[in-house]
Amino acid sequence: MFADLPRPVVRCLRRLAVLVLICIGVPVCAQDYPSKAVRLIVPFAAGGGNDSVARVVAQQLSRALGQQVIVDNRPGAGGVVGAEAAAKAAPDGYTLFLGGVGSLAVNPVLIQNLPYDALKDFQPIILIASAPSVLVVHPSVPVNTVEELITLARTHPGQVNYASNGNGSSAQIAAVMFETTAGLDLVHVPYKGLSPALNDLLSGRVEMMFSSVVAIMPQIKAGKLRPLAVTSPTRAALLPEVPTLAESGLPDYRAGSWYGLLAPAGTPPEVINRINAATQQALDQPGVRAQLASEGADPIGGTPEDFTLHIRAELARMKEVVQHDHTRLQ
């Protein structure tokens, strides 16, 4: 075919042919996506707020994409294990990641030599939902309000314990912000996940904990834990009788969880846009919104660019928190 042409021209034509095939092939591959099951990595154990949101999303995406979306729980190191696995996965759309404030905003600020970059190693797809945290105490603690808890902690400095699902977790960040804002001396008891932390809180081995409403509503409904306040600017729909921390005398306090869908960096934009559209369509359905709301989550949605800006803003906010409370977060 190229026999009568000079060698340099032949080389150029062959390279051009390869580029054309690549350009043609990308949209074809994206159009055929997905042709097999999709894995959704959740960097925490089953049963928590992240897992609950992930299973709602996986069910809806399975229907929209025509392939099963399988939740893959990868707990460990405060979300680092799962985030690293997702960041290093093939950027082909068959591995997705449910990221949140811990894995994408707290860990990058708090952990040195993190094995992934929250901004460079992921392609944001969509911000799914946010969820306020709720401050709860064991029923044996003789307080019914935040004001009474503050008085108790000030009367007994260094004796009131709080649980978290690990060092640097969003639960610890929320508690440290409370501790600093109220001028308290609390004792941090970290656990390897929400389940063991919750077990010790339910048994009374620790007195208090901040947790997402998504994760802890069953225990509140059962009367096994006493809610004192929520961390959102307004009261939570599921806990309308529970005041905010701002109403409880801490007007500058703000904390909470959020959940978003991401893919490894380099995933084709056509695939990103398709997953975004499918997820947004699901979030627009009243039934899905009600399902998330029943878990204590507020649906959000938006574009990949919106989610990127959100992650950058949260990273900046966490940097300020960590710099201010660095010694407490050791």
C-alpha atoms as a PDB file:
ATOM      1  CA  MET A   1       0.000   0.000   0.000  1.00  0.00           C
ATOM      2  CA  PHE A   2       2.796   2.421   0.940  1.00  0.00           C
ATOM      3  CA  ALA A   3       5.501   0.677  -1.138  1.00  0.00           C
ATOM      4  CA  ASP A   4       6.105   3.579  -3.542  1.00  0.00           C
ATOM      5  CA  LEU A   5       6.297   6.288  -0.873  1.00  0.00           C
ATOM      6  CA  PRO A   6       9.435   7.504   0.948  1.00  0.00           C
ATOM      7  CA  ARG A   7      10.027   5.865   4.355  1.00  0.00           C
ATOM      8  CA  PRO A   8       9.529   9.072   6.423  1.00  0.00           C
ATOM      9  CA  VAL A   9       6.165   9.607   4.752  1.00  0.00           C
ATOM     10  CA  VAL A  10       5.199   5.980   5.377  1.00  0.00           C
ATOM     11  CA  ARG A  11       6.056   6.310   9.068  1.00  0.00           C
ATOM     12  CA  CYS A  12       3.978   9.468   9.352  1.00  0.00           C
ATOM     13  CA  LEU A  13       1.017   7.870   7.596  1.00  0.00           C
ATOM     14  CA  ARG A  14       1.144   4.805   9.831  1.00  0.00           C
ATOM     15  CA  ARG A  15       1.227   6.960  12.971  1.00  0.00           C
ATOM     16  CA  LEU A  16      -1.687   8.991  11.644  1.00  0.00           C
ATOM     17  CA  ALA A  17      -3.633   5.798  10.971  1.00  0.00           C
ATOM     18  CA  VAL A  18      -3.051   4.613  14.546  1.00  0.00           C
ATOM     19  CA  LEU A  19      -4.254   7.960  15.937  1.00  0.00           C
ATOM     20  CA  VAL A  20      -7.364   7.815  13.797  1.00  0.00           C
ATOM     21  CA  LEU A  21      -8.138   4.311  15.027  1.00  0.00           C
ATOM     22  CA  ILE A  22      -7.671   5.403  18.625  1.00  0.00           C
ATOM     23  CA  CYS A  23      -9.926   8.413  18.177  1.00  0.00           C
ATOM     24  CA  ILE A  24     -12.560   6.241  16.516  1.00  0.00           C
ATOM     25  CA  GLY A  25     -12.223   3.504  19.119  1.00  0.00           C
ATOM     26  CA  VAL A  26     -12.766   5.614  22.244  1.00  0.00           C
ATOM     27  CA  PRO A  27     -16.363   6.605  21.553  1.00  0.00           C
ATOM     28  CA  VAL A  28     -17.150   3.101  20.320  1.00  0.00           C
ATOM     29  CA  CYS A  29     -15.872   1.634  23.601  1.00  0.00           C
ATOM     30  CA  ALA A  30     -17.783   4.253  25.569  1.00  0.00           C
ATOM     31  CA  GLN A  31     -20.929   3.511  23.576  1.00  0.00           C
ATOM     32  CA  ASP A  32     -20.636  -0.202  24.433  1.00  0.00           C
ATOM     33  CA  TYR A  33     -20.058   0.559  28.136  1.00  0.00           C
ATOM     34  CA  PRO A  34     -20.745  -1.318  30.287  1.00  0.00           C
ATOM     35  CA  SER A  35     -20.377  -4.836  28.909  1.00  0.00           C
ATOM     36  CA  LYS A  36     -19.754  -6.461  32.294  1.00  0.00           C
ATOM     37  CA  ALA A  37     -20.308  -5.879  36.013  1.00  0.00           C
ATOM     38  CA  VAL A  38     -19.066  -2.656  37.591  1.00  0.00           C
ATOM     39  CA  ARG A  39     -17.327  -2.587  40.971  1.00  0.00           C
ATOM     40  CA  LEU A  40     -18.095   0.213  43.456  1.00  0.00           C
ATOM     41  CA  ILE A  41     -15.379   0.401  46.119  1.00  0.00           C
ATOM     42  CA  VAL A  42     -16.503   1.650  49.535  1.00  0.00           C
ATOM     43  CA  PRO A  43     -13.522   2.397  51.823  1.00  0.00           C
ATOM     44  CA  PHE A  44     -15.382   1.385  54.999  1.00  0.00           C
ATOM     45  CA  ALA A  45     -16.986  -1.754  56.394  1.00  0.00           C
ATOM     46  CA  ALA A  46     -20.581  -2.729  55.675  1.00  0.00           C
ATOM     47  CA  GLY A  47     -23.245  -1.216  57.879  1.00  0.00           C
ATOM     48  CA  GLY A  48     -22.114   2.411  58.059  1.00  0.00           C
ATOM     49  CA  GLY A  49     -23.361   5.559  56.362  1.00  0.00           C
ATOM     50  CA  ASN A  50     -21.033   5.173  53.380  1.00  0.00           C
ATOM     51  CA  ASP A  51     -22.218   1.619  52.816  1.00  0.00           C
ATOM     52  CA  SER A  52     -25.900   2.584  53.055  1.00  0.00           C
ATOM     53  CA  VAL A  53     -25.568   5.332  50.446  1.00  0.00           C
ATOM     54  CA  ALA A  54     -23.439   3.112  48.201  1.00  0.00           C
ATOM     55  CA  ARG A  55     -26.070   0.370  48.116  1.00  0.00           C
ATOM     56  CA  VAL A  56     -28.817   2.801  47.154  1.00  0.00           C
ATOM     57  CA  VAL A  57     -26.640   4.150  44.323  1.00  0.00           C
ATOM     58  CA  ALA A  58     -25.506   0.680  43.200  1.00  0.00           C
ATOM     59  CA  GLN A  59     -29.092  -0.530  42.927  1.00  0.00           C
ATOM     60  CA  GLN A  60     -30.104   2.455  40.782  1.00  0.00           C
ATOM     61  CA  LEU A  61     -27.024   2.320  38.549  1.00  0.00           C
ATOM     62  CA  SER A  62     -27.514  -1.397  37.971  1.00  0.00           C
ATOM     63  CA  ARG A  63     -30.927  -0.630  36.515  1.00  0.00           C
ATOM     64  CA  ALA A  64     -29.779   2.363  34.478  1.00  0.00           C
ATOM     65  CA  LEU A  65     -26.622   0.743  33.039  1.00  0.00           C
ATOM     66  CA  GLY A  66     -28.035  -2.712  32.451  1.00  0.00           C
ATOM     67  CA  GLN A  67     -25.162  -4.359  34.322  1.00  0.00           C
ATOM     68  CA  GLN A  68     -24.792  -5.260  37.972  1.00  0.00           C
ATOM     69  CA  VAL A  69     -22.969  -2.690  40.120  1.00  0.00           C
ATOM     70  CA  ILE A  70     -21.352  -4.623  42.976  1.00  0.00           C
ATOM     71  CA  VAL A  71     -20.471  -2.916  46.262  1.00  0.00           C
ATOM     72  CA  ASP A  72     -16.931  -3.860  47.292  1.00  0.00           C
ATOM     73  CA  ASN A  73     -16.211  -2.928  50.922  1.00  0.00           C
ATOM     74  CA  ARG A  74     -12.494  -2.268  51.456  1.00  0.00           C
ATOM     75  CA  PRO A  75     -12.120  -0.991  55.045  1.00  0.00           C
ATOM     76  CA  GLY A  76      -8.834  -0.080  56.683  1.00  0.00           C
ATOM     77  CA  ALA A  77      -6.615   2.831  57.744  1.00  0.00           C
ATOM     78  CA  GLY A  78      -9.449   5.348  57.909  1.00  0.00           C
ATOM     79  CA  GLY A  79     -10.413   4.841  54.273  1.00  0.00           C
ATOM     80  CA  VAL A  80      -6.881   4.754  52.856  1.00  0.00           C
ATOM     81  CA  VAL A  81      -6.987   1.079  51.829  1.00  0.00           C
ATOM     82  CA  GLY A  82     -10.109   1.449  49.717  1.00  0.00           C
ATOM     83  CA  ALA A  83      -9.120   4.802  48.240  1.00  0.00           C
ATOM     84  CA  GLU A  84      -5.715   3.484  47.180  1.00  0.00           C
ATOM     85  CA  ALA A  85      -7.281   0.428  45.547  1.00  0.00           C
ATOM     86  CA  ALA A  86      -9.661   2.642  43.588  1.00  0.00           C
ATOM     87  CA  ALA A  87      -6.974   5.139  42.590  1.00  0.00           C
ATOM     88  CA  LYS A  88      -4.766   2.357  41.173  1.00  0.00           C
ATOM     89  CA  ALA A  89      -7.559   0.546  39.322  1.00  0.00           C
ATOM     90  CA  ALA A  90      -7.775   0.560  35.539  1.00  0.00           C
ATOM     91  CA  PRO A  91      -9.435   3.765  34.257  1.00  0.00           C
ATOM     92  CA  ASP A  92     -11.990   1.908  32.178  1.00  0.00           C
ATOM     93  CA  GLY A  93     -15.206   2.708  34.027  1.00  0.00           C
ATOM     94  CA  TYR A  94     -15.471  -0.721  35.632  1.00  0.00           C
ATOM     95  CA  THR A  95     -14.149   0.480  39.004  1.00  0.00           C
ATOM     96  CA  LEU A  96     -15.914   3.331  40.780  1.00  0.00           C
ATOM     97  CA  PHE A  97     -15.250   4.817  44.208  1.00  0.00           C
ATOM     98  CA  LEU A  98     -17.548   6.212  46.876  1.00  0.00           C
ATOM     99  CA  GLY A  99     -15.488   9.030  48.378  1.00  0.00           C
ATOM    100  CA  GLY A 100     -16.266  11.340  51.255  1.00  0.00           C
ATOM    101  CA  VAL A 101     -14.881  13.945  53.579  1.00  0.00           C
ATOM    102  CA  GLY A 102     -12.531  11.453  55.236  1.00  0.00           C
ATOM    103  CA  SER A 103     -10.873   9.944  52.182  1.00  0.00           C
ATOM    104  CA  LEU A 104     -10.856  13.081  50.017  1.00  0.00           C
ATOM    105  CA  ALA A 105     -10.429  15.978  52.477  1.00  0.00           C
ATOM    106  CA  VAL A 106      -9.220  14.787  55.889  1.00  0.00           C
ATOM    107  CA  ASN A 107      -6.678  12.092  54.955  1.00  0.00           C
ATOM    108  CA  PRO A 108      -4.847  14.244  52.363  1.00  0.00           C
ATOM    109  CA  VAL A 109      -4.325  16.927  55.007  1.00  0.00           C
ATOM    110  CA  LEU A 110      -3.621  14.728  58.006  1.00  0.00           C
ATOM    111  CA  ILE A 111      -1.600  11.782  56.645  1.00  0.00           C
ATOM    112  CA  GLN A 112       1.926  12.171  55.333  1.00  0.00           C
ATOM    113  CA  ASN A 113       3.005  10.046  52.352  1.00  0.00           C
ATOM    114  CA  LEU A 114      -0.586   9.211  51.462  1.00  0.00           C
ATOM    115  CA  PRO A 115      -0.534   6.556  48.690  1.00  0.00           C
ATOM    116  CA  TYR A 116      -2.997   8.508  46.541  1.00  0.00           C
ATOM    117  CA  ASP A 117      -3.667  12.112  45.553  1.00  0.00           C
ATOM    118  CA  ALA A 118      -7.268  13.185  46.112  1.00  0.00           C
ATOM    119  CA  LEU A 119      -7.191  15.637  43.197  1.00  0.00           C
ATOM    120  CA  LYS A 120      -4.852  13.984  40.685  1.00  0.00           C
ATOM    121  CA  ASP A 121      -5.739  10.290  41.036  1.00  0.00           C
ATOM    122  CA  PHE A 122      -9.515  10.569  40.747  1.00  0.00           C
ATOM    123  CA  GLN A 123     -12.029  11.934  38.274  1.00  0.00           C
ATOM    124  CA  PRO A 124     -15.057  13.272  40.189  1.00  0.00           C
ATOM    125  CA  ILE A 125     -18.390  12.176  38.735  1.00  0.00           C
ATOM    126  CA  ILE A 126     -21.142  13.492  40.991  1.00  0.00           C
ATOM    127  CA  LEU A 127     -21.756  14.654  44.565  1.00  0.00           C
ATOM    128  CA  ILE A 128     -24.497  12.303  45.710  1.00  0.00           C
ATOM    129  CA  ALA A 129     -25.598  13.546  49.117  1.00  0.00           C
ATOM    130  CA  SER A 130     -24.642  15.185  52.371  1.00  0.00           C
ATOM    131  CA  ALA A 131     -25.564  14.105  55.878  1.00  0.00           C
ATOM    132  CA  PRO A 132     -25.288  15.989  59.143  1.00  0.00           C
ATOM    133  CA  SER A 133     -23.546  14.366  62.039  1.00  0.00           C
ATOM    134  CA  VAL A 134     -25.349  13.913  65.319  1.00  0.00           C
ATOM    135  CA  LEU A 135     -23.835  14.085  68.797  1.00  0.00           C
ATOM    136  CA  VAL A 136     -25.079  11.158  70.854  1.00  0.00           C
ATOM    137  CA  VAL A 137     -24.410   9.928  74.374  1.00  0.00           C
ATOM    138  CA  HIS A 138     -25.036   6.651  76.137  1.00  0.00           C
ATOM    139  CA  PRO A 139     -28.266   6.788  78.177  1.00  0.00           C
ATOM    140  CA  SER A 140     -26.258   6.346  81.370  1.00  0.00           C
ATOM    141  CA  VAL A 141     -24.607   9.748  80.897  1.00  0.00           C
ATOM    142  CA  PRO A 142     -26.591  12.177  83.111  1.00  0.00           C
ATOM    143  CA  VAL A 143     -27.139  14.875  80.488  1.00  0.00           C
ATOM    144  CA  ASN A 144     -29.997  15.783  78.168  1.00  0.00           C
ATOM    145  CA  THR A 145     -28.583  18.839  76.407  1.00  0.00           C
ATOM    146  CA  VAL A 146     -25.305  20.042  74.944  1.00  0.00           C
ATOM    147  CA  GLU A 147     -25.104  22.671  77.670  1.00  0.00           C
ATOM    148  CA  GLU A 148     -25.299  19.957  80.340  1.00  0.00           C
ATOM    149  CA  LEU A 149     -22.663  17.880  78.539  1.00  0.00           C
ATOM    150  CA  ILE A 150     -20.305  20.864  78.409  1.00  0.00           C
ATOM    151  CA  THR A 151     -20.823  21.474  82.127  1.00  0.00           C
ATOM    152  CA  LEU A 152     -20.138  17.806  82.898  1.00  0.00           C
ATOM    153  CA  ALA A 153     -16.967  17.756  80.787  1.00  0.00           C
ATOM    154  CA  ARG A 154     -15.679  20.976  82.334  1.00  0.00           C
ATOM    155  CA  THR A 155     -16.357  19.644  85.823  1.00  0.00           C
ATOM    156  CA  HIS A 156     -14.482  16.422  85.029  1.00  0.00           C
ATOM    157  CA  PRO A 157     -11.686  17.384  82.594  1.00  0.00           C
ATOM    158  CA  GLY A 158      -9.935  14.455  80.946  1.00  0.00           C
ATOM    159  CA  GLN A 159     -12.589  11.987  82.116  1.00  0.00           C
ATOM    160  CA  VAL A 160     -15.251  12.105  79.397  1.00  0.00           C
ATOM    161  CA  ASN A 161     -14.429   9.732  76.529  1.00  0.00           C
ATOM    162  CA  TYR A 162     -15.598   9.881  72.944  1.00  0.00           C
ATOM    163  CA  ALA A 163     -15.409   7.127  70.345  1.00  0.00           C
ATOM    164  CA  SER A 164     -14.528   7.451  66.678  1.00  0.00           C
ATOM    165  CA  ASN A 165     -14.031   5.079  63.772  1.00  0.00           C
ATOM    166  CA  GLY A 166     -10.301   5.893  63.622  1.00  0.00           C
ATOM    167  CA  ASN A 167      -7.656   8.583  63.887  1.00  0.00           C
ATOM    168  CA  GLY A 168      -8.333  11.339  61.385  1.00  0.00           C
ATOM    169  CA  SER A 169     -11.880  10.136  60.724  1.00  0.00           C
ATOM    170  CA  SER A 170     -14.700  12.605  60.201  1.00  0.00           C
ATOM    171  CA  ALA A 171     -16.060  11.502  63.589  1.00  0.00           C
ATOM    172  CA  GLN A 172     -12.833  12.550  65.301  1.00  0.00           C
ATOM    173  CA  ILE A 173     -12.681  15.809  63.349  1.00  0.00           C
ATOM    174  CA  ALA A 174     -16.232  16.649  64.463  1.00  0.00           C
ATOM    175  CA  ALA A 175     -15.404  15.863  68.095  1.00  0.00           C
ATOM    176  CA  VAL A 176     -12.168  17.859  68.040  1.00  0.00           C
ATOM    177  CA  MET A 177     -13.998  20.867  66.616  1.00  0.00           C
ATOM    178  CA  PHE A 178     -16.565  20.522  69.411  1.00  0.00           C
ATOM    179  CA  GLU A 179     -13.831  20.129  72.010  1.00  0.00           C
ATOM    180  CA  THR A 180     -11.998  23.229  70.798  1.00  0.00           C
ATOM    181  CA  THR A 181     -15.075  25.392  70.306  1.00  0.00           C
ATOM    182  CA  ALA A 182     -16.461  24.578  73.759  1.00  0.00           C
ATOM    183  CA  GLY A 183     -13.078  24.688  75.505  1.00  0.00           C
ATOM    184  CA  LEU A 184     -13.146  21.099  76.737  1.00  0.00           C
ATOM    185  CA  ASP A 185     -10.605  18.386  77.553  1.00  0.00           C
ATOM    186  CA  LEU A 186     -12.033  15.136  76.187  1.00  0.00           C
ATOM    187  CA  VAL A 187     -10.370  11.733  75.721  1.00  0.00           C
ATOM    188  CA  HIS A 188     -10.324  10.221  72.231  1.00  0.00           C
ATOM    189  CA  VAL A 189     -10.840   6.456  71.933  1.00  0.00           C
ATOM    190  CA  PRO A 190     -10.244   5.440  68.290  1.00  0.00           C
ATOM    191  CA  TYR A 191     -11.547   2.180  66.828  1.00  0.00           C
ATOM    192  CA  LYS A 192     -10.944   0.282  63.600  1.00  0.00           C
ATOM    193  CA  GLY A 193     -14.291   1.104  62.059  1.00  0.00           C
ATOM    194  CA  LEU A 194     -17.761   2.239  63.029  1.00  0.00           C
ATOM    195  CA  SER A 195     -19.065  -1.134  64.226  1.00  0.00           C
ATOM    196  CA  PRO A 196     -16.593  -1.656  67.106  1.00  0.00           C
ATOM    197  CA  ALA A 197     -16.895   2.022  68.105  1.00  0.00           C
ATOM    198  CA  LEU A 198     -20.661   1.767  68.144  1.00  0.00           C
ATOM    199  CA  ASN A 199     -20.558  -1.498  70.105  1.00  0.00           C
ATOM    200  CA  ASP A 200     -18.533   0.078  72.905  1.00  0.00           C
ATOM    201  CA  LEU A 201     -20.749   3.164  72.902  1.00  0.00           C
ATOM    202  CA  LEU A 202     -23.863   1.000  73.164  1.00  0.00           C
ATOM    203  CA  SER A 203     -22.311  -0.954  76.045  1.00  0.00           C
ATOM    204  CA  GLY A 204     -21.410   2.245  77.901  1.00  0.00           C
ATOM    205  CA  ARG A 205     -17.633   1.758  77.720  1.00  0.00           C
ATOM    206  CA  VAL A 206     -17.417   5.210  76.138  1.00  0.00           C
ATOM    207  CA  GLU A 207     -19.744   8.096  76.820  1.00  0.00           C
ATOM    208  CA  MET A 208     -20.265   9.940  73.530  1.00  0.00           C
ATOM    209  CA  MET A 209     -19.654  10.000  69.801  1.00  0.00           C
ATOM    210  CA  PHE A 210     -20.283  12.067  66.683  1.00  0.00           C
ATOM    211  CA  SER A 211     -21.656  10.003  63.817  1.00  0.00           C
ATOM    212  CA  SER A 212     -23.505  10.593  60.578  1.00  0.00           C
ATOM    213  CA  VAL A 213     -27.270  10.455  60.966  1.00  0.00           C
ATOM    214  CA  VAL A 214     -27.240   7.846  58.175  1.00  0.00           C
ATOM    215  CA  ALA A 215     -25.247   5.393  60.272  1.00  0.00           C
ATOM    216  CA  ILE A 216     -26.775   5.848  63.715  1.00  0.00           C
ATOM    217  CA  MET A 217     -30.510   6.390  63.186  1.00  0.00           C
ATOM    218  CA  PRO A 218     -31.490   2.768  64.044  1.00  0.00           C
ATOM    219  CA  GLN A 219     -29.911   3.053  67.493  1.00  0.00           C
ATOM    220  CA  ILE A 220     -31.541   6.430  68.093  1.00  0.00           C
ATOM    221  CA  LYS A 221     -34.960   5.116  67.035  1.00  0.00           C
ATOM    222  CA  ALA A 222     -34.523   2.134  69.364  1.00  0.00           C
ATOM    223  CA  GLY A 223     -33.747   4.443  72.294  1.00  0.00           C
ATOM    224  CA  LYS A 224     -30.308   2.911  72.758  1.00  0.00           C
ATOM    225  CA  LEU A 225     -28.559   6.272  72.319  1.00  0.00           C
ATOM    226  CA  ARG A 226     -29.601   9.802  73.267  1.00  0.00           C
ATOM    227  CA  PRO A 227     -29.164  12.495  70.588  1.00  0.00           C
ATOM    228  CA  LEU A 228     -28.159  15.921  71.895  1.00  0.00           C
ATOM    229  CA  ALA A 229     -27.567  17.988  68.746  1.00  0.00           C
ATOM    230  CA  VAL A 230     -26.974  17.856  65.010  1.00  0.00           C
ATOM    231  CA  THR A 231     -24.058  19.558  63.291  1.00  0.00           C
ATOM    232  CA  SER A 232     -25.934  21.028  60.315  1.00  0.00           C
ATOM    233  CA  PRO A 233     -26.977  24.704  60.094  1.00  0.00           C
ATOM    234  CA  THR A 234     -30.639  23.647  60.327  1.00  0.00           C
ATOM    235  CA  ARG A 235     -32.351  20.792  62.094  1.00  0.00           C
ATOM    236  CA  ALA A 236     -32.314  17.376  60.427  1.00  0.00           C
ATOM    237  CA  ALA A 237     -35.571  16.209  58.864  1.00  0.00           C
ATOM    238  CA  LEU A 238     -35.288  12.834  60.608  1.00  0.00           C
ATOM    239  CA  LEU A 239     -34.603  14.448  63.974  1.00  0.00           C
ATOM    240  CA  PRO A 240     -36.769  17.580  64.013  1.00  0.00           C
ATOM    241  CA  GLU A 241     -36.912  17.662  67.803  1.00  0.00           C
ATOM    242  CA  VAL A 242     -33.103  17.630  68.141  1.00  0.00           C
ATOM    243  CA  PRO A 243     -31.509  21.126  68.152  1.00  0.00           C
ATOM    244  CA  THR A 244     -28.466  22.151  66.169  1.00  0.00           C
ATOM    245  CA  LEU A 245     -25.182  22.857  67.890  1.00  0.00           C
ATOM    246  CA  ALA A 246     -25.669  26.493  66.874  1.00  0.00           C
ATOM    247  CA  GLU A 247     -28.945  26.531  68.819  1.00  0.00           C
ATOM    248  CA  SER A 248     -27.105  24.896  71.712  1.00  0.00           C
ATOM    249  CA  GLY A 249     -24.671  27.770  72.213  1.00  0.00           C
ATOM    250  CA  LEU A 250     -22.003  27.047  69.578  1.00  0.00           C
ATOM    251  CA  PRO A 251     -23.025  29.287  66.633  1.00  0.00           C
ATOM    252  CA  ASP A 252     -19.777  28.875  64.673  1.00  0.00           C
ATOM    253  CA  TYR A 253     -19.760  25.079  64.701  1.00  0.00           C
ATOM    254  CA  ARG A 254     -20.161  23.237  61.371  1.00  0.00           C
ATOM    255  CA  ALA A 255     -19.365  19.628  60.472  1.00  0.00           C
ATOM    256  CA  GLY A 256     -20.918  16.690  58.675  1.00  0.00           C
ATOM    257  CA  SER A 257     -20.464  13.992  56.065  1.00  0.00           C
ATOM    258  CA  TRP A 258     -20.868  13.936  52.295  1.00  0.00           C
ATOM    259  CA  TYR A 259     -20.745  11.200  49.707  1.00  0.00           C
ATOM    260  CA  GLY A 260     -19.647  11.357  46.084  1.00  0.00           C
ATOM    261  CA  LEU A 261     -18.973   9.070  43.156  1.00  0.00           C
ATOM    262  CA  LEU A 262     -15.556   9.067  41.475  1.00  0.00           C
ATOM    263  CA  ALA A 263     -13.536   7.042  38.963  1.00  0.00           C
ATOM    264  CA  PRO A 264      -9.778   6.572  38.519  1.00  0.00           C
ATOM    265  CA  ALA A 265      -8.123   9.464  36.681  1.00  0.00           C
ATOM    266  CA  GLY A 266      -8.026   8.858  32.942  1.00  0.00           C
ATOM    267  CA  THR A 267     -11.460   7.275  32.710  1.00  0.00           C
ATOM    268  CA  PRO A 268     -12.988   8.298  29.332  1.00  0.00           C
ATOM    269  CA  PRO A 269     -15.132  11.436  29.641  1.00  0.00           C
ATOM    270  CA  GLU A 270     -17.963   9.718  27.778  1.00  0.00           C
ATOM    271  CA  VAL A 271     -18.130   7.120  30.531  1.00  0.00           C
ATOM    272  CA  ILE A 272     -17.950   9.785  33.260  1.00  0.00           C
ATOM    273  CA  ASN A 273     -20.804  11.706  31.648  1.00  0.00           C
ATOM    274  CA  ARG A 274     -22.944   8.599  31.259  1.00  0.00           C
ATOM    275  CA  ILE A 275     -22.555   7.623  34.929  1.00  0.00           C
ATOM    276  CA  ASN A 276     -23.214  11.228  35.963  1.00  0.00           C
ATOM    277  CA  ALA A 277     -26.411  11.347  33.912  1.00  0.00           C
ATOM    278  CA  ALA A 278     -27.622   7.981  35.240  1.00  0.00           C
ATOM    279  CA  THR A 279     -26.929   8.979  38.843  1.00  0.00           C
ATOM    280  CA  GLN A 280     -28.540  12.387  38.425  1.00  0.00           C
ATOM    281  CA  GLN A 281     -31.614  10.763  36.906  1.00  0.00           C
ATOM    282  CA  ALA A 282     -31.821   8.469  39.935  1.00  0.00           C
ATOM    283  CA  LEU A 283     -31.432  11.387  42.371  1.00  0.00           C
ATOM    284  CA  ASP A 284     -34.286  13.183  40.621  1.00  0.00           C
ATOM    285  CA  GLN A 285     -36.664  10.325  41.365  1.00  0.00           C
ATOM    286  CA  PRO A 286     -38.906  10.975  44.410  1.00  0.00           C
ATOM    287  CA  GLY A 287     -38.556   7.364  45.518  1.00  0.00           C
ATOM    288  CA  VAL A 288     -34.755   7.505  45.577  1.00  0.00           C
ATOM    289  CA  ARG A 289     -34.766  10.878  47.324  1.00  0.00           C
ATOM    290  CA  ALA A 290     -37.124   9.459  49.936  1.00  0.00           C
ATOM    291  CA  GLN A 291     -34.923   6.393  50.346  1.00  0.00           C
ATOM    292  CA  LEU A 292     -31.832   8.528  50.958  1.00  0.00           C
ATOM    293  CA  ALA A 293     -33.782  10.854  53.234  1.00  0.00           C
ATOM    294  CA  SER A 294     -34.926   7.871  55.297  1.00  0.00           C
ATOM    295  CA  GLU A 295     -31.234   7.165  55.879  1.00  0.00           C
ATOM    296  CA  GLY A 296     -30.630  10.768  56.968  1.00  0.00           C
ATOM    297  CA  ALA A 297     -28.958  11.885  53.730  1.00  0.00           C
ATOM    298  CA  ASP A 298     -29.857  14.967  51.681  1.00  0.00           C
ATOM    299  CA  PRO A 299     -29.569  14.308  47.894  1.00  0.00           C
ATOM    300  CA  ILE A 300     -27.484  16.852  45.957  1.00  0.00           C
ATOM    301  CA  GLY A 301     -26.371  15.931  42.421  1.00  0.00           C
ATOM    302  CA  GLY A 302     -24.728  18.245  39.905  1.00  0.00           C
ATOM    303  CA  THR A 303     -21.961  18.100  37.325  1.00  0.00           C
ATOM    304  CA  PRO A 304     -18.465  16.597  37.610  1.00  0.00           C
ATOM    305  CA  GLU A 305     -17.147  20.166  37.705  1.00  0.00           C
ATOM    306  CA  ASP A 306     -19.425  20.996  40.639  1.00  0.00           C
ATOM    307  CA  PHE A 307     -18.069  18.022  42.566  1.00  0.00           C
ATOM    308  CA  THR A 308     -14.469  18.979  41.757  1.00  0.00           C
ATOM    309  CA  LEU A 309     -15.014  22.455  43.198  1.00  0.00           C
ATOM    310  CA  HIS A 310     -16.627  20.928  46.288  1.00  0.00           C
ATOM    311  CA  ILE A 311     -13.617  18.677  46.948  1.00  0.00           C
ATOM    312  CA  ARG A 312     -11.207  21.609  46.577  1.00  0.00           C
ATOM    313  CA  ALA A 313     -13.262  23.706  49.002  1.00  0.00           C
ATOM    314  CA  GLU A 314     -13.415  20.892  51.559  1.00  0.00           C
ATOM    315  CA  LEU A 315      -9.661  20.336  51.303  1.00  0.00           C
ATOM    316  CA  ALA A 316      -9.073  24.015  52.061  1.00  0.00           C
ATOM    317  CA  ARG A 317     -11.477  23.903  55.013  1.00  0.00           C
ATOM    318  CA  MET A 318      -9.857  20.793  56.484  1.00  0.00           C
ATOM    319  CA  LYS A 319      -6.417  22.370  56.190  1.00  0.00           C
ATOM    320  CA  GLU A 320      -7.615  25.194  58.427  1.00  0.00           C
ATOM    321  CA  VAL A 321      -9.116  22.763  60.945  1.00  0.00           C
ATOM    322  CA  VAL A 322      -5.994  20.590  61.109  1.00  0.00           C
ATOM    323  CA  GLN A 323      -3.648  23.562  61.411  1.00  0.00           C
ATOM    324  CA  HIS A 324      -5.738  24.944  64.263  1.00  0.00           C
ATOM    325  CA  ASP A 325      -6.167  21.641  66.131  1.00  0.00           C
ATOM    326  CA  HIS A 326      -3.050  19.785  65.032  1.00  0.00           C
ATOM    327  CA  THR A 327      -2.005  18.613  68.517  1.00  0.00           C
ATOM    328  CA  ARG A 328      -5.446  17.171  69.302  1.00  0.00           C
ATOM    329  CA  LEU A 329      -5.429  15.179  66.074  1.00  0.00           C
ATOM    330  CA  GLN A 330      -2.205  13.294  66.815  1.00  0.00           C
END
